[in-house]
Amino acid sequence: MAANLRPLSTGELLDKTFTLYRQNFLLFFGIAALPQLVLFVLIAGTGMAFGVIGTRVNRVPALPAIAIAIGLAYIIGAIVAAAFTQAATTFAVSDLYLEEPASLKRSFSRARGRILAVLGVLIIFSLCLGIGFMLLLVPGILVLMWYSLAVPASVVEHIGVSDALNRSSRLSKGSGWRIFGVYVLLFIFTIVAKIAIQYIITLAVASLKSISPIVPLAAMGGTYLVSALVAPVITIALTLLYYDQPVRREGFDLEHMMNALQGGAGSAGAAAVGSPV
């Protein structure tokens, strides 16, 4: 794949996204599923414990506080799981792009070193996006245009939160609508896919009515399975966009791009990616 470092049309980029996911399904599904599995065990375990406590509600005056604590733990767990998934997926796409060995262990091992930066990017990006759409639709769209490439920039170039956001803004200049269009198309795809798969799982769970204790757990497990199945798609596409933008906007030739991405001594590679020819 490294030999194909050239400007891609939107159609080619989408095709490459699904091809990469299909050809490496177990890798990307595993990357998304492991953090989701940890989250599932956390919420299922606390939910079951909460159910037991709830049967003795008169003896547990602190029940509302426990419910709030469980809710906060879930939110924090979901954010951390998303950060690990996106960082590890980005590393996996990078390895495949450079025709290097890609594995679950390698991806998660490298993701650990970038988790704080990715968490920072995701939190700031989400806050800006939420505020942008709450105020007016246009600011939210601008946030998507400017900062959608911040996570791959932070992961690949080993840069901090503010540098990653600035790098994403620079890369997106002139291609904002293209990036927004890809993001929206794949967001719609993931929503439709989630609904379709969830419907199938719901039908399967409905057949378990005679085993009532299993139904809630099976339904919850289905939700996490769906999330693991569709989560990699947008991250793969954004990582490919991140690699495509320097070729398209900064005029990198193939040899220079490969040297920059290979990174030689790590930080030197990051600096090369961050500088136009």
Protein backbone atom coordinates (compact mmCIF):
# COMPACT_ATOMS: atom_id res chain seq x y z
CA MET A 1 0.00 0.00 0.00
CA ALA A 2 2.90 2.36 0.59
CA ALA A 3 3.44 2.61 -3.15
CA ASN A 4 0.02 4.24 -3.49
CA LEU A 5 0.91 7.44 -1.65
CA ARG A 6 -0.76 9.79 -4.11
CA PRO A 7 -3.76 12.14 -3.95
CA LEU A 8 -6.95 10.09 -3.67
CA SER A 9 -10.39 11.09 -4.86
CA THR A 10 -13.21 10.88 -2.31
CA GLY A 11 -14.49 7.70 -3.94
CA GLU A 12 -11.03 6.12 -3.86
CA LEU A 13 -10.59 7.07 -0.22
CA LEU A 14 -13.93 5.53 0.78
CA ASP A 15 -13.16 2.40 -1.23
CA LYS A 16 -9.73 2.11 0.41
CA THR A 17 -11.33 2.55 3.84
CA PHE A 18 -13.72 -0.38 3.42
CA THR A 19 -11.11 -2.50 1.62
CA LEU A 20 -8.64 -1.99 4.44
CA TYR A 21 -11.29 -2.86 7.03
CA ARG A 22 -12.47 -5.94 5.13
CA GLN A 23 -8.98 -7.29 4.49
CA ASN A 24 -7.94 -6.76 8.13
CA PHE A 25 -11.28 -7.31 9.81
CA LEU A 26 -10.03 -9.38 12.75
CA LEU A 27 -7.33 -6.82 13.54
CA PHE A 28 -9.61 -3.79 13.52
CA PHE A 29 -12.51 -5.60 15.18
CA GLY A 30 -10.16 -6.81 17.90
CA ILE A 31 -8.80 -3.32 18.47
CA ALA A 32 -12.34 -1.96 18.91
CA ALA A 33 -13.68 -4.98 20.80
CA LEU A 34 -11.09 -5.25 23.59
CA PRO A 35 -11.71 -1.80 25.14
CA GLN A 36 -15.44 -2.32 24.61
CA LEU A 37 -15.20 -5.69 26.37
CA VAL A 38 -13.55 -4.09 29.39
CA LEU A 39 -16.26 -1.43 29.41
CA PHE A 40 -18.95 -4.09 29.06
CA VAL A 41 -17.61 -6.09 32.00
CA LEU A 42 -17.41 -2.89 34.06
CA ILE A 43 -20.95 -1.73 33.38
CA ALA A 44 -22.47 -5.24 33.49
CA GLY A 45 -20.78 -6.01 36.79
CA THR A 46 -21.72 -2.72 38.42
CA GLY A 47 -25.23 -3.00 36.96
CA MET A 48 -25.72 -6.43 38.49
CA ALA A 49 -24.36 -5.22 41.82
CA PHE A 50 -26.62 -2.19 41.63
CA GLY A 51 -29.57 -4.48 40.98
CA VAL A 52 -28.79 -6.46 44.12
CA ILE A 53 -28.41 -3.25 46.13
CA GLY A 54 -31.64 -1.92 44.64
CA THR A 55 -33.61 -4.82 46.13
CA ARG A 56 -32.60 -3.47 49.53
CA VAL A 57 -33.25 0.15 48.76
CA ASN A 58 -34.71 0.89 52.21
CA ARG A 59 -31.42 -0.14 53.78
CA VAL A 60 -29.25 1.85 51.36
CA PRO A 61 -29.91 5.60 51.77
CA ALA A 62 -26.90 6.40 49.57
CA LEU A 63 -28.46 4.65 46.54
CA PRO A 64 -28.74 7.84 44.39
CA ALA A 65 -25.09 8.67 45.04
CA ILE A 66 -24.13 5.12 44.02
CA ALA A 67 -26.12 5.49 40.80
CA ILE A 68 -24.33 8.77 40.01
CA ALA A 69 -20.95 7.18 40.73
CA ILE A 70 -21.73 4.29 38.37
CA GLY A 71 -22.84 6.74 35.68
CA LEU A 72 -19.63 8.77 36.00
CA ALA A 73 -17.52 5.60 35.93
CA TYR A 74 -19.26 4.58 32.71
CA ILE A 75 -18.70 7.97 31.06
CA ILE A 76 -15.01 8.00 32.01
CA GLY A 77 -14.63 4.40 30.89
CA ALA A 78 -16.30 5.15 27.54
CA ILE A 79 -13.98 8.10 26.89
CA VAL A 80 -10.85 6.11 27.75
CA ALA A 81 -12.06 3.17 25.63
CA ALA A 82 -12.65 5.51 22.68
CA ALA A 83 -9.19 7.02 23.08
CA PHE A 84 -7.48 3.61 23.15
CA THR A 85 -9.53 2.41 20.18
CA GLN A 86 -8.77 5.45 18.04
CA ALA A 87 -5.06 5.55 18.93
CA ALA A 88 -4.56 1.82 18.33
CA THR A 89 -6.59 1.89 15.11
CA THR A 90 -4.52 4.82 13.82
CA PHE A 91 -1.29 2.95 14.54
CA ALA A 92 -2.65 -0.17 12.80
CA VAL A 93 -3.61 1.83 9.70
CA SER A 94 -0.15 3.44 9.72
CA ASP A 95 1.58 0.07 9.89
CA LEU A 96 -0.51 -1.31 7.04
CA TYR A 97 0.07 1.85 5.02
CA LEU A 98 3.82 1.44 5.39
CA GLU A 99 3.61 -2.30 4.76
CA GLU A 100 4.91 -3.07 8.25
CA PRO A 101 3.67 -5.88 10.55
CA ALA A 102 0.41 -4.89 12.24
CA SER A 103 -0.98 -6.67 15.29
CA LEU A 104 -3.22 -6.10 18.30
CA LYS A 105 -0.26 -6.23 20.68
CA ARG A 106 1.84 -3.78 18.66
CA SER A 107 -1.06 -1.35 18.17
CA PHE A 108 -2.10 -1.25 21.83
CA SER A 109 1.50 -1.14 23.03
CA ARG A 110 2.16 1.98 20.96
CA ALA A 111 -1.23 3.47 21.85
CA ARG A 112 -0.38 3.52 25.55
CA GLY A 113 2.26 6.16 24.96
CA ARG A 114 -0.21 8.48 23.22
CA ILE A 115 -3.31 7.92 25.35
CA LEU A 116 -3.13 11.18 27.35
CA ALA A 117 -2.67 13.31 24.24
CA VAL A 118 -5.49 11.52 22.43
CA LEU A 119 -7.75 11.91 25.47
CA GLY A 120 -7.01 15.64 25.48
CA VAL A 121 -7.74 15.94 21.76
CA LEU A 122 -11.01 14.00 22.04
CA ILE A 123 -12.24 16.00 25.02
CA ILE A 124 -11.47 19.38 23.47
CA PHE A 125 -12.78 18.31 20.07
CA SER A 126 -16.02 16.98 21.60
CA LEU A 127 -16.54 20.12 23.71
CA CYS A 128 -15.93 22.43 20.74
CA LEU A 129 -18.19 20.32 18.54
CA GLY A 130 -20.97 20.27 21.11
CA ILE A 131 -20.78 24.01 21.78
CA GLY A 132 -20.57 24.70 18.04
CA PHE A 133 -23.76 22.78 17.27
CA MET A 134 -25.54 24.21 20.31
CA LEU A 135 -24.84 27.81 19.29
CA LEU A 136 -25.31 27.50 15.55
CA LEU A 137 -24.95 24.74 13.00
CA VAL A 138 -22.13 26.49 11.12
CA PRO A 139 -19.57 26.57 14.00
CA GLY A 140 -20.08 22.86 14.52
CA ILE A 141 -19.43 22.18 10.84
CA LEU A 142 -16.28 24.31 11.00
CA VAL A 143 -15.03 22.31 13.98
CA LEU A 144 -15.47 19.09 11.98
CA MET A 145 -13.66 20.62 9.02
CA TRP A 146 -10.73 21.97 11.00
CA TYR A 147 -10.07 19.40 13.71
CA SER A 148 -11.15 15.97 12.42
CA LEU A 149 -7.53 15.06 11.66
CA ALA A 150 -6.21 15.99 15.10
CA VAL A 151 -6.19 12.45 16.51
CA PRO A 152 -4.10 10.90 13.70
CA ALA A 153 -1.83 13.97 13.76
CA SER A 154 -1.24 13.53 17.48
CA VAL A 155 -0.70 9.77 17.20
CA VAL A 156 1.56 9.65 14.13
CA GLU A 157 3.58 12.82 14.73
CA HIS A 158 3.84 12.36 18.52
CA ILE A 159 2.71 15.91 19.25
CA GLY A 160 0.65 17.46 22.03
CA VAL A 161 -2.97 18.52 22.06
CA SER A 162 -2.63 22.12 20.86
CA ASP A 163 -0.05 21.19 18.21
CA ALA A 164 -2.30 18.38 16.95
CA LEU A 165 -5.28 20.73 16.65
CA ASN A 166 -3.16 23.32 14.84
CA ARG A 167 -1.69 20.67 12.56
CA SER A 168 -5.17 19.40 11.69
CA SER A 169 -6.31 22.96 10.92
CA ARG A 170 -3.36 23.48 8.57
CA LEU A 171 -3.84 20.17 6.78
CA SER A 172 -7.56 20.74 6.26
CA LYS A 173 -7.18 24.10 4.52
CA GLY A 174 -8.72 23.91 1.08
CA SER A 175 -10.24 20.48 1.77
CA GLY A 176 -12.66 21.28 4.57
CA TRP A 177 -15.79 20.35 2.66
CA ARG A 178 -14.19 17.13 1.44
CA ILE A 179 -13.27 16.13 4.99
CA PHE A 180 -16.72 17.12 6.25
CA GLY A 181 -18.39 15.15 3.45
CA VAL A 182 -16.38 12.00 4.19
CA TYR A 183 -17.12 12.33 7.90
CA VAL A 184 -20.86 12.81 7.36
CA LEU A 185 -21.16 9.98 4.83
CA LEU A 186 -19.40 7.53 7.12
CA PHE A 187 -21.32 8.79 10.16
CA ILE A 188 -24.58 8.08 8.34
CA PHE A 189 -23.23 4.67 7.31
CA THR A 190 -22.32 3.78 10.91
CA ILE A 191 -25.75 4.85 12.18
CA VAL A 192 -27.57 2.79 9.54
CA ALA A 193 -25.27 -0.19 10.16
CA LYS A 194 -25.82 0.06 13.92
CA ILE A 195 -29.60 0.12 13.49
CA ALA A 196 -29.57 -2.84 11.09
CA ILE A 197 -27.24 -5.00 13.19
CA GLN A 198 -28.99 -4.03 16.41
CA TYR A 199 -32.33 -5.04 14.88
CA ILE A 200 -30.96 -8.49 14.04
CA ILE A 201 -29.54 -8.87 17.53
CA THR A 202 -32.86 -7.73 19.05
CA LEU A 203 -34.69 -10.45 17.13
CA ALA A 204 -32.18 -13.01 18.38
CA VAL A 205 -32.51 -11.79 21.96
CA ALA A 206 -36.31 -11.90 21.69
CA SER A 207 -36.06 -15.64 21.14
CA LEU A 208 -34.51 -15.92 24.62
CA LYS A 209 -37.67 -14.78 26.42
CA SER A 210 -37.96 -18.13 28.12
CA ILE A 211 -34.53 -17.53 29.72
CA SER A 212 -35.37 -14.16 31.28
CA PRO A 213 -32.17 -13.66 33.35
CA ILE A 214 -30.08 -13.78 30.16
CA VAL A 215 -32.12 -11.24 28.18
CA PRO A 216 -30.79 -7.97 29.69
CA LEU A 217 -27.18 -9.20 29.55
CA ALA A 218 -27.59 -10.43 25.97
CA ALA A 219 -29.15 -7.13 24.90
CA MET A 220 -26.32 -5.18 26.53
CA GLY A 221 -23.74 -7.44 24.93
CA GLY A 222 -25.37 -6.86 21.54
CA THR A 223 -25.01 -3.11 21.95
CA TYR A 224 -21.29 -3.38 22.64
CA LEU A 225 -20.83 -5.84 19.77
CA VAL A 226 -22.41 -3.35 17.37
CA SER A 227 -20.14 -0.57 18.65
CA ALA A 228 -17.06 -2.73 18.12
CA LEU A 229 -18.14 -3.63 14.59
CA VAL A 230 -18.68 -0.08 13.31
CA ALA A 231 -16.23 1.93 15.44
CA PRO A 232 -13.12 1.41 13.25
CA VAL A 233 -14.64 2.74 10.02
CA ILE A 234 -14.48 6.50 10.67
CA THR A 235 -11.07 6.28 12.34
CA ILE A 236 -9.63 4.35 9.36
CA ALA A 237 -11.01 6.97 6.95
CA LEU A 238 -9.68 9.91 8.97
CA THR A 239 -6.23 8.31 9.20
CA LEU A 240 -6.20 7.80 5.43
CA LEU A 241 -7.30 11.43 5.01
CA TYR A 242 -4.46 12.50 7.30
CA TYR A 243 -1.96 10.72 5.04
CA ASP A 244 -3.64 11.97 1.88
CA GLN A 245 -3.69 15.66 2.81
CA PRO A 246 0.11 16.26 2.86
CA VAL A 247 0.39 14.59 -0.55
CA ARG A 248 -2.50 16.66 -1.88
CA ARG A 249 -1.82 19.98 -0.16
CA GLU A 250 1.89 20.13 0.62
CA GLY A 251 3.23 18.50 -2.53
CA PHE A 252 5.19 15.68 -0.90
CA ASP A 253 6.74 13.31 -3.40
CA LEU A 254 6.65 9.60 -2.66
CA GLU A 255 10.26 9.26 -1.47
CA HIS A 256 10.04 12.22 0.91
CA MET A 257 6.66 11.08 2.26
CA MET A 258 7.97 7.59 2.94
CA ASN A 259 11.06 8.93 4.71
CA ALA A 260 8.90 11.21 6.84
CA LEU A 261 6.42 8.51 7.78
CA GLN A 262 9.11 5.90 8.44
CA GLY A 263 10.49 8.49 10.81
CA GLY A 264 14.03 7.16 11.01
CA ALA A 265 14.73 8.39 14.52
CA GLY A 266 11.11 8.95 15.56
CA SER A 267 11.11 12.62 16.41
CA ALA A 268 12.92 13.48 13.23
CA GLY A 269 10.19 11.69 11.31
CA ALA A 270 7.52 13.61 13.17
CA ALA A 271 9.19 16.88 12.30
CA ALA A 272 9.42 15.89 8.66
CA VAL A 273 5.72 15.11 8.49
CA GLY A 274 4.94 18.43 10.08
CA SER A 275 6.92 20.50 7.57
CA PRO A 276 5.92 21.17 3.96
CA VAL A 277 8.44 20.59 1.20
